[in-house]
């Protein structure tokens, strides 16, 4: 019975790793395809997974790193997702938001006011 529980827990965390990798990669592919279209030149991408959060790609990074940290069973590995999340919240997101606000102005502010920053439906 213990083996079965351990197997399901491992499967769950592997799914988190896969899901995080998928969210990060697929969101970037969606944005790349949007930007590749000449009709979208100079437009802000707010579709696809980026409807869920403005930095959904960072959310994907956090998911897979959390899954990896838990699978390793190493307490020090737990510091990596914490440091990554804090880095996103306090450094990368504010810097990128400032850049996007300057570049896209009103279009970015509308998106910012209607879309969570990092964690879909939460923050």
PDB file of N, CA and C in Angstrom:
ATOM      1  N   UNK A   1       0.823  -1.203   0.000  1.00  0.00           N
ATOM      2  CA  UNK A   1       0.000   0.000   0.000  1.00  0.00           C
ATOM      3  C   UNK A   1       0.863   1.262   0.000  1.00  0.00           C
ATOM      4  N   UNK A   2       1.923   1.243   0.789  1.00  0.00           N
ATOM      5  CA  UNK A   2       2.812   2.412   0.851  1.00  0.00           C
ATOM      6  C   UNK A   2       3.446   2.682  -0.513  1.00  0.00           C
ATOM      7  N   UNK A   3       3.801   1.601  -1.214  1.00  0.00           N
ATOM      8  CA  UNK A   3       4.384   1.726  -2.547  1.00  0.00           C
ATOM      9  C   UNK A   3       3.412   2.415  -3.507  1.00  0.00           C
ATOM     10  N   UNK A   4       2.149   2.039  -3.435  1.00  0.00           N
ATOM     11  CA  UNK A   4       1.133   2.619  -4.319  1.00  0.00           C
ATOM     12  C   UNK A   4       0.974   4.110  -4.042  1.00  0.00           C
ATOM     13  N   UNK A   5       0.926   4.476  -2.780  1.00  0.00           N
ATOM     14  CA  UNK A   5       0.799   5.895  -2.419  1.00  0.00           C
ATOM     15  C   UNK A   5       2.006   6.678  -2.907  1.00  0.00           C
ATOM     16  N   UNK A   6       3.195   6.141  -2.690  1.00  0.00           N
ATOM     17  CA  UNK A   6       4.423   6.798  -3.152  1.00  0.00           C
ATOM     18  C   UNK A   6       4.404   6.946  -4.667  1.00  0.00           C
ATOM     19  N   UNK A   7       3.943   5.915  -5.365  1.00  0.00           N
ATOM     20  CA  UNK A   7       3.878   5.971  -6.820  1.00  0.00           C
ATOM     21  C   UNK A   7       2.952   7.096  -7.281  1.00  0.00           C
ATOM     22  N   UNK A   8       1.776   7.227  -6.666  1.00  0.00           N
ATOM     23  CA  UNK A   8       0.828   8.279  -7.052  1.00  0.00           C
ATOM     24  C   UNK A   8       1.365   9.668  -6.722  1.00  0.00           C
ATOM     25  N   UNK A   9       2.033   9.791  -5.612  1.00  0.00           N
ATOM     26  CA  UNK A   9       2.627  11.092  -5.258  1.00  0.00           C
ATOM     27  C   UNK A   9       3.700  11.461  -6.276  1.00  0.00           C
ATOM     28  N   UNK A  10       4.545  10.495  -6.630  1.00  0.00           N
ATOM     29  CA  UNK A  10       5.567  10.746  -7.649  1.00  0.00           C
ATOM     30  C   UNK A  10       4.959  11.110  -8.988  1.00  0.00           C
ATOM     31  N   UNK A  11       3.908  10.405  -9.358  1.00  0.00           N
ATOM     32  CA  UNK A  11       3.213  10.707 -10.610  1.00  0.00           C
ATOM     33  C   UNK A  11       2.666  12.125 -10.598  1.00  0.00           C
ATOM     34  N   UNK A  12       2.063  12.519  -9.476  1.00  0.00           N
ATOM     35  CA  UNK A  12       1.509  13.871  -9.353  1.00  0.00           C
ATOM     36  C   UNK A  12       2.593  14.920  -9.571  1.00  0.00           C
ATOM     37  N   UNK A  13       3.740  14.775  -8.932  1.00  0.00           N
ATOM     38  CA  UNK A  13       4.797  15.778  -9.072  1.00  0.00           C
ATOM     39  C   UNK A  13       5.413  15.756 -10.463  1.00  0.00           C
ATOM     40  N   UNK A  14       5.450  14.585 -11.105  1.00  0.00           N
ATOM     41  CA  UNK A  14       5.910  14.539 -12.492  1.00  0.00           C
ATOM     42  C   UNK A  14       4.936  15.267 -13.409  1.00  0.00           C
ATOM     43  N   UNK A  15       3.657  15.161 -13.130  1.00  0.00           N
ATOM     44  CA  UNK A  15       2.660  15.899 -13.907  1.00  0.00           C
ATOM     45  C   UNK A  15       2.855  17.398 -13.714  1.00  0.00           C
ATOM     46  N   UNK A  16       3.164  17.830 -12.493  1.00  0.00           N
ATOM     47  CA  UNK A  16       3.423  19.255 -12.225  1.00  0.00           C
ATOM     48  C   UNK A  16       4.627  19.728 -13.044  1.00  0.00           C
ATOM     49  N   UNK A  17       5.679  18.914 -13.092  1.00  0.00           N
ATOM     50  CA  UNK A  17       6.860  19.277 -13.889  1.00  0.00           C
ATOM     51  C   UNK A  17       6.481  19.400 -15.360  1.00  0.00           C
ATOM     52  N   UNK A  18       5.764  18.410 -15.879  1.00  0.00           N
ATOM     53  CA  UNK A  18       5.352  18.430 -17.281  1.00  0.00           C
ATOM     54  C   UNK A  18       4.445  19.619 -17.566  1.00  0.00           C
ATOM     55  N   UNK A  19       3.467  19.849 -16.694  1.00  0.00           N
ATOM     56  CA  UNK A  19       2.524  20.953 -16.888  1.00  0.00           C
ATOM     57  C   UNK A  19       3.243  22.304 -16.868  1.00  0.00           C
ATOM     58  N   UNK A  20       4.154  22.474 -15.927  1.00  0.00           N
ATOM     59  CA  UNK A  20       4.917  23.726 -15.867  1.00  0.00           C
ATOM     60  C   UNK A  20       5.741  23.953 -17.115  1.00  0.00           C
ATOM     61  N   UNK A  21       6.402  22.895 -17.581  1.00  0.00           N
ATOM     62  CA  UNK A  21       7.197  23.001 -18.811  1.00  0.00           C
ATOM     63  C   UNK A  21       6.304  23.331 -19.999  1.00  0.00           C
ATOM     64  N   UNK A  22       5.152  22.693 -20.046  1.00  0.00           N
ATOM     65  CA  UNK A  22       4.196  22.946 -21.136  1.00  0.00           C
ATOM     66  C   UNK A  22       3.706  24.399 -21.104  1.00  0.00           C
ATOM     67  N   UNK A  23       3.310  24.866 -19.943  1.00  0.00           N
ATOM     68  CA  UNK A  23       2.805  26.240 -19.820  1.00  0.00           C
ATOM     69  C   UNK A  23       3.862  27.231 -20.276  1.00  0.00           C
ATOM     70  N   UNK A  24       5.092  27.049 -19.800  1.00  0.00           N
ATOM     71  CA  UNK A  24       6.162  27.968 -20.176  1.00  0.00           C
ATOM     72  C   UNK A  24       6.423  27.936 -21.672  1.00  0.00           C
ATOM     73  N   UNK A  25       6.607  26.751 -22.210  1.00  0.00           N
ATOM     74  CA  UNK A  25       6.979  26.616 -23.624  1.00  0.00           C
ATOM     75  C   UNK A  25       5.838  27.002 -24.553  1.00  0.00           C
ATOM     76  N   UNK A  26       4.639  26.504 -24.290  1.00  0.00           N
ATOM     77  CA  UNK A  26       3.520  26.774 -25.190  1.00  0.00           C
ATOM     78  C   UNK A  26       3.133  28.255 -25.189  1.00  0.00           C
ATOM     79  N   UNK A  27       3.210  28.904 -24.034  1.00  0.00           N
ATOM     80  CA  UNK A  27       2.886  30.333 -24.001  1.00  0.00           C
ATOM     81  C   UNK A  27       3.868  31.129 -24.863  1.00  0.00           C
ATOM     82  N   UNK A  28       5.136  30.743 -24.813  1.00  0.00           N
ATOM     83  CA  UNK A  28       6.141  31.429 -25.640  1.00  0.00           C
ATOM     84  C   UNK A  28       5.939  31.149 -27.127  1.00  0.00           C
ATOM     85  N   UNK A  29       5.538  29.927 -27.461  1.00  0.00           N
ATOM     86  CA  UNK A  29       5.253  29.592 -28.865  1.00  0.00           C
ATOM     87  C   UNK A  29       4.066  30.399 -29.364  1.00  0.00           C
ATOM     88  N   UNK A  30       3.025  30.517 -28.546  1.00  0.00           N
ATOM     89  CA  UNK A  30       1.856  31.310 -28.939  1.00  0.00           C
ATOM     90  C   UNK A  30       2.259  32.758 -29.212  1.00  0.00           C
ATOM     91  N   UNK A  31       3.059  33.329 -28.316  1.00  0.00           N
ATOM     92  CA  UNK A  31       3.476  34.727 -28.497  1.00  0.00           C
ATOM     93  C   UNK A  31       4.365  34.872 -29.721  1.00  0.00           C
ATOM     94  N   UNK A  32       5.270  33.922 -29.935  1.00  0.00           N
ATOM     95  CA  UNK A  32       6.159  33.978 -31.100  1.00  0.00           C
ATOM     96  C   UNK A  32       5.351  33.954 -32.393  1.00  0.00           C
ATOM     97  N   UNK A  33       4.366  33.060 -32.476  1.00  0.00           N
ATOM     98  CA  UNK A  33       3.541  32.977 -33.686  1.00  0.00           C
ATOM     99  C   UNK A  33       2.754  34.259 -33.915  1.00  0.00           C
ATOM    100  N   UNK A  34       2.265  34.877 -32.852  1.00  0.00           N
ATOM    101  CA  UNK A  34       1.548  36.151 -32.952  1.00  0.00           C
ATOM    102  C   UNK A  34       2.477  37.235 -33.488  1.00  0.00           C
ATOM    103  N   UNK A  35       3.665  37.313 -32.923  1.00  0.00           N
ATOM    104  CA  UNK A  35       4.621  38.362 -33.310  1.00  0.00           C
ATOM    105  C   UNK A  35       5.145  38.155 -34.733  1.00  0.00           C
ATOM    106  N   UNK A  36       5.158  36.903 -35.201  1.00  0.00           N
ATOM    107  CA  UNK A  36       5.647  36.590 -36.543  1.00  0.00           C
ATOM    108  C   UNK A  36       4.733  37.156 -37.628  1.00  0.00           C
ATOM    109  N   UNK A  37       3.462  37.316 -37.318  1.00  0.00           N
ATOM    110  CA  UNK A  37       2.491  37.831 -38.286  1.00  0.00           C
ATOM    111  C   UNK A  37       2.714  39.335 -38.471  1.00  0.00           C
ATOM    112  N   UNK A  38       2.988  39.788 -39.693  1.00  0.00           N
ATOM    113  CA  UNK A  38       3.237  41.222 -39.942  1.00  0.00           C
ATOM    114  C   UNK A  38       2.053  42.117 -39.537  1.00  0.00           C
ATOM    115  N   UNK A  39       0.839  41.579 -39.538  1.00  0.00           N
ATOM    116  CA  UNK A  39      -0.330  42.369 -39.134  1.00  0.00           C
ATOM    117  C   UNK A  39      -0.309  42.717 -37.647  1.00  0.00           C
ATOM    118  N   UNK A  40       0.504  42.010 -36.866  1.00  0.00           N
ATOM    119  CA  UNK A  40       0.560  42.247 -35.429  1.00  0.00           C
ATOM    120  C   UNK A  40       1.759  43.079 -35.003  1.00  0.00           C
ATOM    121  N   UNK A  41       2.473  43.622 -35.969  1.00  0.00           N
ATOM    122  CA  UNK A  41       3.660  44.425 -35.657  1.00  0.00           C
ATOM    123  C   UNK A  41       3.289  45.586 -34.730  1.00  0.00           C
ATOM    124  N   UNK A  42       4.013  45.690 -33.641  1.00  0.00           N
ATOM    125  CA  UNK A  42       3.790  46.773 -32.684  1.00  0.00           C
ATOM    126  C   UNK A  42       2.630  46.537 -31.728  1.00  0.00           C
ATOM    127  N   UNK A  43       2.012  45.357 -31.787  1.00  0.00           N
ATOM    128  CA  UNK A  43       0.879  45.054 -30.900  1.00  0.00           C
ATOM    129  C   UNK A  43       1.337  44.206 -29.714  1.00  0.00           C
ATOM    130  N   UNK A  44       0.675  44.418 -28.600  1.00  0.00           N
ATOM    131  CA  UNK A  44       0.927  43.653 -27.386  1.00  0.00           C
ATOM    132  C   UNK A  44       0.174  42.336 -27.456  1.00  0.00           C
ATOM    133  N   UNK A  45       0.848  41.242 -27.114  1.00  0.00           N
ATOM    134  CA  UNK A  45       0.200  39.932 -27.133  1.00  0.00           C
ATOM    135  C   UNK A  45      -0.478  39.667 -25.798  1.00  0.00           C
ATOM    136  N   UNK A  46      -1.803  39.535 -25.823  1.00  0.00           N
ATOM    137  CA  UNK A  46      -2.589  39.305 -24.601  1.00  0.00           C
ATOM    138  C   UNK A  46      -3.539  38.116 -24.754  1.00  0.00           C
ATOM    139  N   UNK A  47      -3.275  37.264 -25.723  1.00  0.00           N
ATOM    140  CA  UNK A  47      -4.173  36.151 -26.021  1.00  0.00           C
ATOM    141  C   UNK A  47      -3.626  34.836 -25.464  1.00  0.00           C
ATOM    142  N   UNK A  48      -4.263  33.729 -25.821  1.00  0.00           N
ATOM    143  CA  UNK A  48      -3.792  32.409 -25.432  1.00  0.00           C
ATOM    144  C   UNK A  48      -3.635  32.277 -23.921  1.00  0.00           C
ATOM    145  N   UNK A  49      -2.561  31.650 -23.512  1.00  0.00           N
ATOM    146  CA  UNK A  49      -2.314  31.464 -22.089  1.00  0.00           C
ATOM    147  C   UNK A  49      -2.070  32.781 -21.363  1.00  0.00           C
ATOM    148  N   UNK A  50      -1.670  33.804 -22.102  1.00  0.00           N
ATOM    149  CA  UNK A  50      -1.435  35.113 -21.484  1.00  0.00           C
ATOM    150  C   UNK A  50      -2.736  35.810 -21.081  1.00  0.00           C
ATOM    151  N   UNK A  51      -3.876  35.205 -21.394  1.00  0.00           N
ATOM    152  CA  UNK A  51      -5.146  35.703 -20.865  1.00  0.00           C
ATOM    153  C   UNK A  51      -5.270  35.348 -19.387  1.00  0.00           C
ATOM    154  N   UNK A  52      -4.600  34.286 -18.969  1.00  0.00           N
ATOM    155  CA  UNK A  52      -4.692  33.809 -17.587  1.00  0.00           C
ATOM    156  C   UNK A  52      -3.826  34.624 -16.630  1.00  0.00           C
ATOM    157  N   UNK A  53      -2.669  35.042 -17.098  1.00  0.00           N
ATOM    158  CA  UNK A  53      -1.751  35.858 -16.290  1.00  0.00           C
ATOM    159  C   UNK A  53      -0.771  36.548 -17.233  1.00  0.00           C
ATOM    160  N   UNK A  54      -0.366  37.755 -16.854  1.00  0.00           N
ATOM    161  CA  UNK A  54       0.532  38.512 -17.726  1.00  0.00           C
ATOM    162  C   UNK A  54       1.903  37.850 -17.846  1.00  0.00           C
ATOM    163  N   UNK A  55       2.291  37.111 -16.856  1.00  0.00           N
ATOM    164  CA  UNK A  55       3.595  36.438 -16.867  1.00  0.00           C
ATOM    165  C   UNK A  55       3.395  34.933 -16.677  1.00  0.00           C
ATOM    166  N   UNK A  56       2.507  34.378 -17.470  1.00  0.00           N
ATOM    167  CA  UNK A  56       2.168  32.960 -17.366  1.00  0.00           C
ATOM    168  C   UNK A  56       3.380  32.079 -17.642  1.00  0.00           C
ATOM    169  N   UNK A  57       4.306  32.560 -18.449  1.00  0.00           N
ATOM    170  CA  UNK A  57       5.524  31.800 -18.709  1.00  0.00           C
ATOM    171  C   UNK A  57       6.352  31.647 -17.433  1.00  0.00           C
ATOM    172  N   UNK A  58       6.409  32.677 -16.609  1.00  0.00           N
ATOM    173  CA  UNK A  58       7.108  32.588 -15.325  1.00  0.00           C
ATOM    174  C   UNK A  58       6.384  31.613 -14.390  1.00  0.00           C
ATOM    175  N   UNK A  59       5.060  31.625 -14.428  1.00  0.00           N
ATOM    176  CA  UNK A  59       4.284  30.684 -13.630  1.00  0.00           C
ATOM    177  C   UNK A  59       4.646  29.249 -14.004  1.00  0.00           C
ATOM    178  N   UNK A  60       4.795  28.989 -15.288  1.00  0.00           N
ATOM    179  CA  UNK A  60       5.210  27.670 -15.741  1.00  0.00           C
ATOM    180  C   UNK A  60       6.572  27.289 -15.183  1.00  0.00           C
ATOM    181  N   UNK A  61       7.497  28.240 -15.181  1.00  0.00           N
ATOM    182  CA  UNK A  61       8.818  27.986 -14.591  1.00  0.00           C
ATOM    183  C   UNK A  61       8.702  27.602 -13.121  1.00  0.00           C
ATOM    184  N   UNK A  62       7.897  28.344 -12.392  1.00  0.00           N
ATOM    185  CA  UNK A  62       7.729  28.062 -10.965  1.00  0.00           C
ATOM    186  C   UNK A  62       7.156  26.662 -10.760  1.00  0.00           C
ATOM    187  N   UNK A  63       6.165  26.285 -11.554  1.00  0.00           N
ATOM    188  CA  UNK A  63       5.550  24.952 -11.416  1.00  0.00           C
ATOM    189  C   UNK A  63       6.567  23.838 -11.598  1.00  0.00           C
ATOM    190  N   UNK A  64       7.314  23.887 -12.695  1.00  0.00           N
ATOM    191  CA  UNK A  64       8.231  22.763 -12.928  1.00  0.00           C
ATOM    192  C   UNK A  64       9.362  22.745 -11.918  1.00  0.00           C
ATOM    193  N   UNK A  65       9.794  23.900 -11.439  1.00  0.00           N
ATOM    194  CA  UNK A  65      10.869  23.937 -10.448  1.00  0.00           C
ATOM    195  C   UNK A  65      10.368  23.404  -9.100  1.00  0.00           C
ATOM    196  N   UNK A  66       9.130  23.721  -8.741  1.00  0.00           N
ATOM    197  CA  UNK A  66       8.552  23.182  -7.501  1.00  0.00           C
ATOM    198  C   UNK A  66       8.469  21.658  -7.595  1.00  0.00           C
ATOM    199  N   UNK A  67       7.966  21.151  -8.713  1.00  0.00           N
ATOM    200  CA  UNK A  67       7.877  19.711  -8.897  1.00  0.00           C
ATOM    201  C   UNK A  67       9.240  19.042  -8.798  1.00  0.00           C
ATOM    202  N   UNK A  68      10.229  19.634  -9.431  1.00  0.00           N
ATOM    203  CA  UNK A  68      11.577  19.067  -9.400  1.00  0.00           C
ATOM    204  C   UNK A  68      12.146  19.099  -7.975  1.00  0.00           C
ATOM    205  N   UNK A  69      11.937  20.195  -7.274  1.00  0.00           N
ATOM    206  CA  UNK A  69      12.444  20.314  -5.905  1.00  0.00           C
ATOM    207  C   UNK A  69      11.839  19.242  -4.998  1.00  0.00           C
ATOM    208  N   UNK A  70      10.575  18.971  -5.165  1.00  0.00           N
ATOM    209  CA  UNK A  70       9.912  17.972  -4.323  1.00  0.00           C
ATOM    210  C   UNK A  70      10.380  16.563  -4.677  1.00  0.00           C
ATOM    211  N   UNK A  71      10.545  16.273  -5.952  1.00  0.00           N
ATOM    212  CA  UNK A  71      10.995  14.948  -6.360  1.00  0.00           C
ATOM    213  C   UNK A  71      12.400  14.648  -5.840  1.00  0.00           C
ATOM    214  N   UNK A  72      13.253  15.650  -5.754  1.00  0.00           N
ATOM    215  CA  UNK A  72      14.634  15.414  -5.309  1.00  0.00           C
ATOM    216  C   UNK A  72      14.726  15.079  -3.826  1.00  0.00           C
ATOM    217  N   UNK A  73      13.700  15.414  -3.049  1.00  0.00           N
ATOM    218  CA  UNK A  73      13.701  15.141  -1.603  1.00  0.00           C
ATOM    219  C   UNK A  73      14.893  15.800  -0.905  1.00  0.00           C
ATOM    220  N   UNK A  74      15.287  16.954  -1.409  1.00  0.00           N
ATOM    221  CA  UNK A  74      16.417  17.673  -0.823  1.00  0.00           C
ATOM    222  C   UNK A  74      15.899  19.014  -0.329  1.00  0.00           C
ATOM    223  N   UNK A  75      16.075  19.282   0.951  1.00  0.00           N
ATOM    224  CA  UNK A  75      15.548  20.523   1.526  1.00  0.00           C
ATOM    225  C   UNK A  75      16.122  21.754   0.843  1.00  0.00           C
ATOM    226  N   UNK A  76      17.367  21.676   0.411  1.00  0.00           N
ATOM    227  CA  UNK A  76      17.998  22.828  -0.247  1.00  0.00           C
ATOM    228  C   UNK A  76      17.366  23.117  -1.599  1.00  0.00           C
ATOM    229  N   UNK A  77      16.848  22.084  -2.233  1.00  0.00           N
ATOM    230  CA  UNK A  77      16.157  22.284  -3.512  1.00  0.00           C
ATOM    231  C   UNK A  77      14.913  23.141  -3.342  1.00  0.00           C
ATOM    232  N   UNK A  78      14.335  23.142  -2.156  1.00  0.00           N
ATOM    233  CA  UNK A  78      13.162  23.962  -1.875  1.00  0.00           C
ATOM    234  C   UNK A  78      13.445  25.447  -1.917  1.00  0.00           C
ATOM    235  N   UNK A  79      14.706  25.809  -1.750  1.00  0.00           N
ATOM    236  CA  UNK A  79      15.069  27.227  -1.808  1.00  0.00           C
ATOM    237  C   UNK A  79      15.007  27.782  -3.229  1.00  0.00           C
ATOM    238  N   UNK A  80      15.199  26.915  -4.196  1.00  0.00           N
ATOM    239  CA  UNK A  80      15.228  27.371  -5.592  1.00  0.00           C
ATOM    240  C   UNK A  80      13.879  27.935  -6.032  1.00  0.00           C
ATOM    241  N   UNK A  81      12.754  27.220  -5.840  1.00  0.00           N
ATOM    242  CA  UNK A  81      11.480  27.824  -6.261  1.00  0.00           C
ATOM    243  C   UNK A  81      11.125  29.073  -5.453  1.00  0.00           C
ATOM    244  N   UNK A  82      11.534  29.107  -4.192  1.00  0.00           N
ATOM    245  CA  UNK A  82      11.274  30.303  -3.382  1.00  0.00           C
ATOM    246  C   UNK A  82      12.050  31.488  -3.936  1.00  0.00           C
ATOM    247  N   UNK A  83      13.346  31.279  -4.189  1.00  0.00           N
ATOM    248  CA  UNK A  83      14.182  32.355  -4.735  1.00  0.00           C
ATOM    249  C   UNK A  83      13.691  32.782  -6.119  1.00  0.00           C
ATOM    250  N   UNK A  84      13.311  31.809  -6.938  1.00  0.00           N
ATOM    251  CA  UNK A  84      12.818  32.112  -8.279  1.00  0.00           C
ATOM    252  C   UNK A  84      11.544  32.956  -8.222  1.00  0.00           C
ATOM    253  N   UNK A  85      10.610  32.548  -7.367  1.00  0.00           N
ATOM    254  CA  UNK A  85       9.347  33.291  -7.223  1.00  0.00           C
ATOM    255  C   UNK A  85       9.603  34.707  -6.729  1.00  0.00           C
ATOM    256  N   UNK A  86      10.441  34.849  -5.723  1.00  0.00           N
ATOM    257  CA  UNK A  86      10.753  36.193  -5.199  1.00  0.00           C
ATOM    258  C   UNK A  86      11.461  37.034  -6.264  1.00  0.00           C
ATOM    259  N   UNK A  87      12.350  36.418  -7.020  1.00  0.00           N
ATOM    260  CA  UNK A  87      13.021  37.142  -8.105  1.00  0.00           C
ATOM    261  C   UNK A  87      12.036  37.635  -9.142  1.00  0.00           C
ATOM    262  N   UNK A  88      11.088  36.785  -9.505  1.00  0.00           N
ATOM    263  CA  UNK A  88      10.062  37.203 -10.461  1.00  0.00           C
ATOM    264  C   UNK A  88       9.232  38.351  -9.897  1.00  0.00           C
ATOM    265  N   UNK A  89       8.758  38.207  -8.652  1.00  0.00           N
ATOM    266  CA  UNK A  89       7.851  39.189  -8.058  1.00  0.00           C
ATOM    267  C   UNK A  89       8.532  40.534  -7.826  1.00  0.00           C
ATOM    268  N   UNK A  90       9.754  40.514  -7.326  1.00  0.00           N
ATOM    269  CA  UNK A  90      10.393  41.764  -6.918  1.00  0.00           C
ATOM    270  C   UNK A  90      11.355  42.367  -7.935  1.00  0.00           C
ATOM    271  N   UNK A  91      11.796  41.589  -8.933  1.00  0.00           N
ATOM    272  CA  UNK A  91      12.755  42.123  -9.893  1.00  0.00           C
ATOM    273  C   UNK A  91      12.271  42.037 -11.339  1.00  0.00           C
ATOM    274  N   UNK A  92      12.070  40.828 -11.841  1.00  0.00           N
ATOM    275  CA  UNK A  92      11.762  40.658 -13.255  1.00  0.00           C
ATOM    276  C   UNK A  92      10.420  41.258 -13.653  1.00  0.00           C
ATOM    277  N   UNK A  93       9.376  40.984 -12.890  1.00  0.00           N
ATOM    278  CA  UNK A  93       8.045  41.482 -13.250  1.00  0.00           C
ATOM    279  C   UNK A  93       7.968  43.008 -13.181  1.00  0.00           C
ATOM    280  N   UNK A  94       8.444  43.650 -12.115  1.00  0.00           N
ATOM    281  CA  UNK A  94       8.386  45.115 -12.114  1.00  0.00           C
ATOM    282  C   UNK A  94       9.184  45.754 -13.253  1.00  0.00           C
ATOM    283  N   UNK A  95      10.350  45.197 -13.552  1.00  0.00           N
ATOM    284  CA  UNK A  95      11.166  45.750 -14.633  1.00  0.00           C
ATOM    285  C   UNK A  95      10.477  45.575 -15.985  1.00  0.00           C
ATOM    286  N   UNK A  96       9.955  44.381 -16.231  1.00  0.00           N
ATOM    287  CA  UNK A  96       9.264  44.116 -17.495  1.00  0.00           C
ATOM    288  C   UNK A  96       7.981  44.934 -17.593  1.00  0.00           C
ATOM    289  N   UNK A  97       7.253  45.072 -16.495  1.00  0.00           N
ATOM    290  CA  UNK A  97       6.015  45.862 -16.502  1.00  0.00           C
ATOM    291  C   UNK A  97       6.300  47.319 -16.841  1.00  0.00           C
ATOM    292  N   UNK A  98       7.377  47.850 -16.287  1.00  0.00           N
ATOM    293  CA  UNK A  98       7.759  49.234 -16.593  1.00  0.00           C
ATOM    294  C   UNK A  98       8.066  49.385 -18.083  1.00  0.00           C
ATOM    295  N   UNK A  99       8.813  48.435 -18.626  1.00  0.00           N
ATOM    296  CA  UNK A  99       9.147  48.457 -20.049  1.00  0.00           C
ATOM    297  C   UNK A  99       7.887  48.375 -20.911  1.00  0.00           C
ATOM    298  N   UNK A 100       6.996  47.426 -20.587  1.00  0.00           N
ATOM    299  CA  UNK A 100       5.783  47.241 -21.387  1.00  0.00           C
ATOM    300  C   UNK A 100       4.853  48.445 -21.299  1.00  0.00           C
ATOM    301  N   UNK A 101       4.797  49.066 -20.131  1.00  0.00           N
ATOM    302  CA  UNK A 101       3.963  50.261 -19.980  1.00  0.00           C
ATOM    303  C   UNK A 101       4.472  51.396 -20.858  1.00  0.00           C
ATOM    304  N   UNK A 102       5.768  51.561 -20.918  1.00  0.00           N
ATOM    305  CA  UNK A 102       6.352  52.605 -21.770  1.00  0.00           C
ATOM    306  C   UNK A 102       6.139  52.291 -23.247  1.00  0.00           C
ATOM    307  N   UNK A 103       6.291  51.020 -23.611  1.00  0.00           N
ATOM    308  CA  UNK A 103       6.195  50.637 -25.014  1.00  0.00           C
ATOM    309  C   UNK A 103       4.763  50.617 -25.530  1.00  0.00           C
ATOM    310  N   UNK A 104       3.817  50.092 -24.715  1.00  0.00           N
ATOM    311  CA  UNK A 104       2.451  49.888 -25.194  1.00  0.00           C
ATOM    312  C   UNK A 104       1.412  50.808 -24.566  1.00  0.00           C
ATOM    313  N   UNK A 105       1.797  51.564 -23.540  1.00  0.00           N
ATOM    314  CA  UNK A 105       0.932  52.567 -22.937  1.00  0.00           C
ATOM    315  C   UNK A 105      -0.432  52.048 -22.494  1.00  0.00           C
ATOM    316  N   UNK A 106      -1.478  52.657 -23.043  1.00  0.00           N
ATOM    317  CA  UNK A 106      -2.868  52.349 -22.664  1.00  0.00           C
ATOM    318  C   UNK A 106      -3.218  50.879 -22.872  1.00  0.00           C
ATOM    319  N   UNK A 107      -2.725  50.293 -23.971  1.00  0.00           N
ATOM    320  CA  UNK A 107      -3.009  48.891 -24.259  1.00  0.00           C
ATOM    321  C   UNK A 107      -2.490  48.001 -23.123  1.00  0.00           C
ATOM    322  N   UNK A 108      -1.295  48.290 -22.641  1.00  0.00           N
ATOM    323  CA  UNK A 108      -0.730  47.503 -21.533  1.00  0.00           C
ATOM    324  C   UNK A 108      -1.490  47.765 -20.236  1.00  0.00           C
ATOM    325  N   UNK A 109      -1.826  49.003 -19.965  1.00  0.00           N
ATOM    326  CA  UNK A 109      -2.534  49.335 -18.722  1.00  0.00           C
ATOM    327  C   UNK A 109      -3.895  48.638 -18.651  1.00  0.00           C
ATOM    328  N   UNK A 110      -4.598  48.548 -19.761  1.00  0.00           N
ATOM    329  CA  UNK A 110      -5.878  47.820 -19.788  1.00  0.00           C
ATOM    330  C   UNK A 110      -5.669  46.349 -19.455  1.00  0.00           C
ATOM    331  N   UNK A 111      -4.656  45.773 -20.052  1.00  0.00           N
ATOM    332  CA  UNK A 111      -4.343  44.365 -19.793  1.00  0.00           C
ATOM    333  C   UNK A 111      -3.930  44.171 -18.336  1.00  0.00           C
ATOM    334  N   UNK A 112      -3.109  45.083 -17.848  1.00  0.00           N
ATOM    335  CA  UNK A 112      -2.632  45.010 -16.458  1.00  0.00           C
ATOM    336  C   UNK A 112      -3.798  45.098 -15.474  1.00  0.00           C
ATOM    337  N   UNK A 113      -4.738  45.965 -15.743  1.00  0.00           N
ATOM    338  CA  UNK A 113      -5.872  46.161 -14.834  1.00  0.00           C
ATOM    339  C   UNK A 113      -6.881  45.012 -14.875  1.00  0.00           C
ATOM    340  N   UNK A 114      -6.832  44.197 -15.907  1.00  0.00           N
ATOM    341  CA  UNK A 114      -7.812  43.115 -16.057  1.00  0.00           C
ATOM    342  C   UNK A 114      -7.230  41.711 -15.996  1.00  0.00           C
ATOM    343  N   UNK A 115      -5.932  41.591 -15.778  1.00  0.00           N
ATOM    344  CA  UNK A 115      -5.281  40.282 -15.792  1.00  0.00           C
ATOM    345  C   UNK A 115      -4.321  40.176 -14.615  1.00  0.00           C
ATOM    346  N   UNK A 116      -4.368  39.057 -13.917  1.00  0.00           N
ATOM    347  CA  UNK A 116      -3.451  38.831 -12.795  1.00  0.00           C
ATOM    348  C   UNK A 116      -2.019  38.831 -13.307  1.00  0.00           C
ATOM    349  N   UNK A 117      -1.090  39.081 -12.405  1.00  0.00           N
ATOM    350  CA  UNK A 117       0.299  39.223 -12.796  1.00  0.00           C
ATOM    351  C   UNK A 117       1.011  37.894 -13.031  1.00  0.00           C
ATOM    352  N   UNK A 118       0.986  37.005 -12.035  1.00  0.00           N
ATOM    353  CA  UNK A 118       1.821  35.807 -12.103  1.00  0.00           C
ATOM    354  C   UNK A 118       1.042  34.509 -11.928  1.00  0.00           C
ATOM    355  N   UNK A 119       0.223  34.452 -10.899  1.00  0.00           N
ATOM    356  CA  UNK A 119      -0.541  33.234 -10.604  1.00  0.00           C
ATOM    357  C   UNK A 119      -1.985  33.426 -11.088  1.00  0.00           C
ATOM    358  N   UNK A 120      -2.422  32.641 -12.084  1.00  0.00           N
ATOM    359  CA  UNK A 120      -3.767  32.822 -12.634  1.00  0.00           C
ATOM    360  C   UNK A 120      -4.849  32.865 -11.555  1.00  0.00           C
ATOM    361  N   UNK A 121      -5.697  33.853 -11.665  1.00  0.00           N
ATOM    362  CA  UNK A 121      -6.861  34.050 -10.783  1.00  0.00           C
ATOM    363  C   UNK A 121      -6.481  34.416  -9.330  1.00  0.00           C
ATOM    364  N   UNK A 122      -5.202  34.530  -8.998  1.00  0.00           N
ATOM    365  CA  UNK A 122      -4.789  34.777  -7.617  1.00  0.00           C
ATOM    366  C   UNK A 122      -3.994  36.076  -7.484  1.00  0.00           C
ATOM    367  N   UNK A 123      -2.845  36.151  -8.180  1.00  0.00           N
ATOM    368  CA  UNK A 123      -1.935  37.309  -8.036  1.00  0.00           C
ATOM    369  C   UNK A 123      -1.347  37.664  -9.377  1.00  0.00           C
TER     370      UNK A 123
END
